[in-house]
Amino acid sequence: MSEYYDKELEEIKRRKLLEYQRMLKRAEEEEARRRLEAEKEALLRRILTPKARQRLANLKLVKPQFVESLELQLIQLAQTGRVEIPITDKVLKQILIRLTASERKGKIIYYR
């Protein structure tokens, strides 16, 4: 009978250890994600004017995936020197117009 309880206790310990390890891994991944997000925000603060950042924040409410990819593209453009820093609201509008114009070309609209 004691052997049964020892095996059961070992199994409980093993499950708890695995659960704890998974929890630690999730916490580390979350911390890494927060750190990357903070770095991205710091870079965007440096390369965008306040009005341009506000425009992106407003747009992010409507199209979060689009803005995420746009932010990464803006950071890459700034790091490679392909765009003048700081990016003003006017320049950001032009970039958005070009991007949305290329999206709209593929749509077919039927009128009756």
N, C-alpha and C. Protein backbone atom coordinates (compact mmCIF):
# COMPACT_ATOMS: atom_id res chain seq x y z
N MET A 1 0.81 -1.19 0.00
CA MET A 1 0.00 0.00 0.00
C MET A 1 0.86 1.26 0.00
N SER A 2 1.92 1.24 0.73
CA SER A 2 2.84 2.37 0.79
C SER A 2 3.49 2.62 -0.57
N GLU A 3 3.75 1.55 -1.30
CA GLU A 3 4.36 1.67 -2.62
C GLU A 3 3.41 2.38 -3.59
N TYR A 4 2.11 2.09 -3.49
CA TYR A 4 1.11 2.74 -4.32
C TYR A 4 1.09 4.24 -4.06
N TYR A 5 1.12 4.64 -2.80
CA TYR A 5 1.12 6.06 -2.45
C TYR A 5 2.40 6.74 -2.90
N ASP A 6 3.53 6.04 -2.84
CA ASP A 6 4.80 6.60 -3.30
C ASP A 6 4.75 6.86 -4.80
N LYS A 7 4.20 5.92 -5.56
CA LYS A 7 4.09 6.09 -7.01
C LYS A 7 3.14 7.24 -7.34
N GLU A 8 2.04 7.29 -6.63
CA GLU A 8 1.07 8.36 -6.85
C GLU A 8 1.66 9.72 -6.49
N LEU A 9 2.40 9.76 -5.39
CA LEU A 9 3.06 11.00 -4.97
C LEU A 9 4.10 11.43 -6.00
N GLU A 10 4.87 10.49 -6.52
CA GLU A 10 5.86 10.80 -7.55
C GLU A 10 5.19 11.32 -8.82
N GLU A 11 4.07 10.73 -9.18
CA GLU A 11 3.34 11.18 -10.37
C GLU A 11 2.81 12.61 -10.16
N ILE A 12 2.30 12.90 -8.99
CA ILE A 12 1.82 14.25 -8.68
C ILE A 12 2.97 15.24 -8.73
N LYS A 13 4.10 14.87 -8.16
CA LYS A 13 5.28 15.75 -8.18
C LYS A 13 5.73 16.01 -9.62
N ARG A 14 5.73 14.95 -10.44
CA ARG A 14 6.17 15.10 -11.84
C ARG A 14 5.22 16.04 -12.59
N ARG A 15 3.91 15.88 -12.40
CA ARG A 15 2.94 16.77 -13.07
C ARG A 15 3.09 18.22 -12.61
N LYS A 16 3.29 18.40 -11.32
CA LYS A 16 3.47 19.76 -10.79
C LYS A 16 4.74 20.41 -11.35
N LEU A 17 5.81 19.61 -11.46
CA LEU A 17 7.06 20.12 -12.01
C LEU A 17 6.88 20.53 -13.47
N LEU A 18 6.20 19.68 -14.25
CA LEU A 18 5.94 20.02 -15.65
C LEU A 18 5.09 21.27 -15.77
N GLU A 19 4.09 21.39 -14.93
CA GLU A 19 3.23 22.57 -14.93
C GLU A 19 4.04 23.83 -14.58
N TYR A 20 4.90 23.71 -13.60
CA TYR A 20 5.74 24.84 -13.20
C TYR A 20 6.68 25.24 -14.33
N GLN A 21 7.27 24.26 -15.01
CA GLN A 21 8.18 24.55 -16.12
C GLN A 21 7.44 25.25 -17.26
N ARG A 22 6.21 24.79 -17.57
CA ARG A 22 5.42 25.45 -18.61
C ARG A 22 5.09 26.89 -18.23
N MET A 23 4.77 27.08 -16.95
CA MET A 23 4.44 28.42 -16.47
C MET A 23 5.66 29.34 -16.59
N LEU A 24 6.84 28.84 -16.24
CA LEU A 24 8.06 29.63 -16.37
C LEU A 24 8.34 29.99 -17.82
N LYS A 25 8.14 29.02 -18.70
CA LYS A 25 8.39 29.26 -20.13
C LYS A 25 7.43 30.33 -20.65
N ARG A 26 6.15 30.24 -20.28
CA ARG A 26 5.18 31.26 -20.70
C ARG A 26 5.56 32.64 -20.18
N ALA A 27 6.02 32.70 -18.94
CA ALA A 27 6.41 33.98 -18.34
C ALA A 27 7.61 34.56 -19.07
N GLU A 28 8.58 33.71 -19.42
CA GLU A 28 9.75 34.18 -20.15
C GLU A 28 9.37 34.68 -21.54
N GLU A 29 8.48 33.95 -22.22
CA GLU A 29 8.03 34.38 -23.55
C GLU A 29 7.28 35.70 -23.46
N GLU A 30 6.46 35.86 -22.46
CA GLU A 30 5.71 37.10 -22.27
C GLU A 30 6.65 38.27 -22.00
N GLU A 31 7.66 38.03 -21.18
CA GLU A 31 8.65 39.07 -20.88
C GLU A 31 9.42 39.47 -22.14
N ALA A 32 9.79 38.48 -22.94
CA ALA A 32 10.51 38.77 -24.20
C ALA A 32 9.61 39.57 -25.14
N ARG A 33 8.33 39.20 -25.20
CA ARG A 33 7.39 39.93 -26.06
C ARG A 33 7.23 41.37 -25.60
N ARG A 34 7.12 41.56 -24.27
CA ARG A 34 7.00 42.93 -23.73
C ARG A 34 8.25 43.75 -24.02
N ARG A 35 9.42 43.12 -23.89
CA ARG A 35 10.68 43.82 -24.14
C ARG A 35 10.77 44.26 -25.61
N LEU A 36 10.41 43.36 -26.53
CA LEU A 36 10.44 43.70 -27.95
C LEU A 36 9.44 44.82 -28.26
N GLU A 37 8.28 44.75 -27.66
CA GLU A 37 7.26 45.79 -27.88
C GLU A 37 7.75 47.14 -27.37
N ALA A 38 8.43 47.15 -26.23
CA ALA A 38 8.96 48.40 -25.68
C ALA A 38 10.05 48.97 -26.58
N GLU A 39 10.90 48.10 -27.11
CA GLU A 39 11.95 48.55 -28.03
C GLU A 39 11.34 49.14 -29.30
N LYS A 40 10.30 48.47 -29.81
CA LYS A 40 9.64 48.96 -31.02
C LYS A 40 9.00 50.32 -30.76
N GLU A 41 8.34 50.47 -29.62
CA GLU A 41 7.73 51.76 -29.29
C GLU A 41 8.77 52.86 -29.15
N ALA A 42 9.92 52.55 -28.56
CA ALA A 42 10.98 53.54 -28.41
C ALA A 42 11.51 53.96 -29.78
N LEU A 43 11.69 53.01 -30.67
CA LEU A 43 12.14 53.34 -32.03
C LEU A 43 11.11 54.20 -32.75
N LEU A 44 9.84 53.85 -32.61
CA LEU A 44 8.80 54.63 -33.28
C LEU A 44 8.73 56.05 -32.72
N ARG A 45 8.96 56.21 -31.42
CA ARG A 45 8.97 57.55 -30.83
C ARG A 45 10.09 58.40 -31.42
N ARG A 46 11.21 57.75 -31.74
CA ARG A 46 12.34 58.48 -32.31
C ARG A 46 12.13 58.82 -33.77
N ILE A 47 11.46 57.95 -34.53
CA ILE A 47 11.39 58.19 -35.98
C ILE A 47 10.09 58.85 -36.44
N LEU A 48 9.07 58.91 -35.57
CA LEU A 48 7.80 59.53 -35.96
C LEU A 48 7.53 60.79 -35.13
N THR A 49 6.92 61.76 -35.77
CA THR A 49 6.49 62.94 -35.03
C THR A 49 5.27 62.54 -34.19
N PRO A 50 4.93 63.34 -33.18
CA PRO A 50 3.75 63.01 -32.35
C PRO A 50 2.45 62.87 -33.15
N LYS A 51 2.25 63.72 -34.15
CA LYS A 51 1.03 63.63 -34.96
C LYS A 51 1.01 62.34 -35.77
N ALA A 52 2.15 61.95 -36.29
CA ALA A 52 2.23 60.70 -37.06
C ALA A 52 1.99 59.49 -36.15
N ARG A 53 2.53 59.54 -34.94
CA ARG A 53 2.30 58.44 -33.99
C ARG A 53 0.82 58.35 -33.63
N GLN A 54 0.18 59.51 -33.47
CA GLN A 54 -1.25 59.53 -33.16
C GLN A 54 -2.06 58.95 -34.31
N ARG A 55 -1.68 59.27 -35.53
CA ARG A 55 -2.38 58.73 -36.70
C ARG A 55 -2.26 57.21 -36.71
N LEU A 56 -1.06 56.69 -36.43
CA LEU A 56 -0.87 55.24 -36.39
C LEU A 56 -1.70 54.60 -35.27
N ALA A 57 -1.74 55.26 -34.13
CA ALA A 57 -2.52 54.73 -33.01
C ALA A 57 -4.00 54.67 -33.37
N ASN A 58 -4.51 55.69 -34.04
CA ASN A 58 -5.91 55.69 -34.45
C ASN A 58 -6.19 54.59 -35.48
N LEU A 59 -5.27 54.44 -36.41
CA LEU A 59 -5.42 53.43 -37.45
C LEU A 59 -5.32 52.02 -36.87
N LYS A 60 -4.53 51.89 -35.81
CA LYS A 60 -4.34 50.58 -35.18
C LYS A 60 -5.64 50.06 -34.57
N LEU A 61 -6.52 50.97 -34.18
CA LEU A 61 -7.82 50.57 -33.64
C LEU A 61 -8.67 49.86 -34.69
N VAL A 62 -8.50 50.27 -35.95
CA VAL A 62 -9.30 49.73 -37.03
C VAL A 62 -8.61 48.55 -37.72
N LYS A 63 -7.31 48.69 -37.98
CA LYS A 63 -6.56 47.67 -38.71
C LYS A 63 -5.28 47.30 -37.95
N PRO A 64 -5.39 46.53 -36.88
CA PRO A 64 -4.20 46.24 -36.06
C PRO A 64 -3.10 45.47 -36.79
N GLN A 65 -3.45 44.47 -37.61
CA GLN A 65 -2.41 43.71 -38.31
C GLN A 65 -1.70 44.57 -39.35
N PHE A 66 -2.46 45.40 -40.05
CA PHE A 66 -1.89 46.28 -41.05
C PHE A 66 -0.89 47.24 -40.40
N VAL A 67 -1.26 47.82 -39.27
CA VAL A 67 -0.40 48.79 -38.58
C VAL A 67 0.85 48.09 -38.02
N GLU A 68 0.69 46.87 -37.52
CA GLU A 68 1.86 46.13 -37.01
C GLU A 68 2.90 45.97 -38.11
N SER A 69 2.46 45.53 -39.29
CA SER A 69 3.41 45.35 -40.39
C SER A 69 3.95 46.70 -40.87
N LEU A 70 3.11 47.72 -40.88
CA LEU A 70 3.54 49.06 -41.29
C LEU A 70 4.61 49.60 -40.34
N GLU A 71 4.41 49.41 -39.04
CA GLU A 71 5.40 49.87 -38.06
C GLU A 71 6.76 49.22 -38.30
N LEU A 72 6.75 47.93 -38.55
CA LEU A 72 8.01 47.23 -38.83
C LEU A 72 8.66 47.75 -40.11
N GLN A 73 7.85 48.00 -41.12
CA GLN A 73 8.37 48.55 -42.37
C GLN A 73 8.95 49.95 -42.17
N LEU A 74 8.28 50.77 -41.39
CA LEU A 74 8.78 52.12 -41.11
C LEU A 74 10.11 52.07 -40.37
N ILE A 75 10.23 51.17 -39.42
CA ILE A 75 11.49 51.01 -38.68
C ILE A 75 12.60 50.59 -39.62
N GLN A 76 12.30 49.65 -40.52
CA GLN A 76 13.31 49.20 -41.47
C GLN A 76 13.71 50.32 -42.42
N LEU A 77 12.73 51.07 -42.89
CA LEU A 77 13.04 52.20 -43.78
C LEU A 77 13.92 53.23 -43.09
N ALA A 78 13.62 53.52 -41.83
CA ALA A 78 14.40 54.50 -41.09
C ALA A 78 15.82 53.98 -40.82
N GLN A 79 15.94 52.71 -40.49
CA GLN A 79 17.26 52.15 -40.18
C GLN A 79 18.14 52.07 -41.41
N THR A 80 17.55 51.86 -42.58
CA THR A 80 18.34 51.78 -43.81
C THR A 80 18.55 53.15 -44.44
N GLY A 81 17.92 54.18 -43.89
CA GLY A 81 18.10 55.53 -44.39
C GLY A 81 17.29 55.83 -45.64
N ARG A 82 16.28 55.05 -45.92
CA ARG A 82 15.47 55.25 -47.13
C ARG A 82 14.37 56.28 -46.95
N VAL A 83 14.22 56.76 -45.71
CA VAL A 83 13.22 57.78 -45.44
C VAL A 83 13.84 58.78 -44.47
N GLU A 84 13.44 60.05 -44.63
CA GLU A 84 14.00 61.10 -43.77
C GLU A 84 13.36 61.05 -42.38
N ILE A 85 14.18 61.17 -41.38
CA ILE A 85 13.71 61.11 -39.99
C ILE A 85 13.66 62.53 -39.45
N PRO A 86 12.70 62.95 -38.73
CA PRO A 86 11.50 62.22 -38.31
C PRO A 86 10.47 62.17 -39.43
N ILE A 87 9.70 61.11 -39.43
CA ILE A 87 8.63 60.94 -40.40
C ILE A 87 7.45 61.78 -39.91
N THR A 88 7.08 62.73 -40.74
CA THR A 88 5.98 63.63 -40.37
C THR A 88 4.64 62.99 -40.72
N ASP A 89 3.59 63.62 -40.25
CA ASP A 89 2.24 63.14 -40.55
C ASP A 89 1.98 63.19 -42.05
N LYS A 90 2.48 64.21 -42.71
CA LYS A 90 2.29 64.37 -44.15
C LYS A 90 2.95 63.21 -44.90
N VAL A 91 4.18 62.87 -44.53
CA VAL A 91 4.89 61.77 -45.18
C VAL A 91 4.18 60.45 -44.89
N LEU A 92 3.72 60.28 -43.66
CA LEU A 92 3.00 59.06 -43.30
C LEU A 92 1.71 58.93 -44.11
N LYS A 93 1.01 60.04 -44.32
CA LYS A 93 -0.21 60.01 -45.14
C LYS A 93 0.12 59.54 -46.56
N GLN A 94 1.22 60.06 -47.12
CA GLN A 94 1.62 59.66 -48.47
C GLN A 94 1.93 58.15 -48.53
N ILE A 95 2.62 57.66 -47.52
CA ILE A 95 2.94 56.23 -47.47
C ILE A 95 1.65 55.42 -47.39
N LEU A 96 0.72 55.86 -46.53
CA LEU A 96 -0.56 55.15 -46.38
C LEU A 96 -1.37 55.17 -47.67
N ILE A 97 -1.35 56.30 -48.37
CA ILE A 97 -2.08 56.39 -49.64
C ILE A 97 -1.51 55.41 -50.64
N ARG A 98 -0.17 55.34 -50.73
CA ARG A 98 0.46 54.40 -51.66
C ARG A 98 0.12 52.95 -51.30
N LEU A 99 0.17 52.65 -50.01
CA LEU A 99 -0.11 51.27 -49.58
C LEU A 99 -1.57 50.89 -49.82
N THR A 100 -2.48 51.79 -49.49
CA THR A 100 -3.90 51.46 -49.67
C THR A 100 -4.29 51.46 -51.14
N ALA A 101 -3.63 52.26 -51.96
CA ALA A 101 -3.91 52.26 -53.39
C ALA A 101 -3.52 50.92 -54.00
N SER A 102 -2.40 50.36 -53.56
CA SER A 102 -1.99 49.07 -54.09
C SER A 102 -2.92 47.96 -53.62
N GLU A 103 -3.53 48.10 -52.45
CA GLU A 103 -4.50 47.12 -51.96
C GLU A 103 -5.79 47.17 -52.77
N ARG A 104 -6.20 48.34 -53.15
CA ARG A 104 -7.48 48.52 -53.83
C ARG A 104 -7.45 48.05 -55.28
N LYS A 105 -6.29 47.98 -55.89
CA LYS A 105 -6.21 47.62 -57.31
C LYS A 105 -6.76 46.22 -57.58
N GLY A 106 -6.63 45.32 -56.63
CA GLY A 106 -7.04 43.94 -56.85
C GLY A 106 -8.52 43.68 -56.65
N LYS A 107 -9.29 44.66 -56.20
CA LYS A 107 -10.70 44.45 -55.93
C LYS A 107 -11.54 44.67 -57.18
N ILE A 108 -12.54 43.82 -57.36
CA ILE A 108 -13.47 43.97 -58.46
C ILE A 108 -14.83 44.31 -57.87
N ILE A 109 -15.42 45.38 -58.32
CA ILE A 109 -16.69 45.82 -57.80
C ILE A 109 -17.72 45.77 -58.93
N TYR A 110 -18.84 45.11 -58.67
CA TYR A 110 -19.92 45.02 -59.63
C TYR A 110 -21.05 45.94 -59.21
N TYR A 111 -21.52 46.72 -60.14
CA TYR A 111 -22.66 47.60 -59.90
C TYR A 111 -23.83 47.11 -60.72
N ARG A 112 -25.02 47.19 -60.15
CA ARG A 112 -26.23 46.77 -60.88
C ARG A 112 -27.11 47.95 -61.16
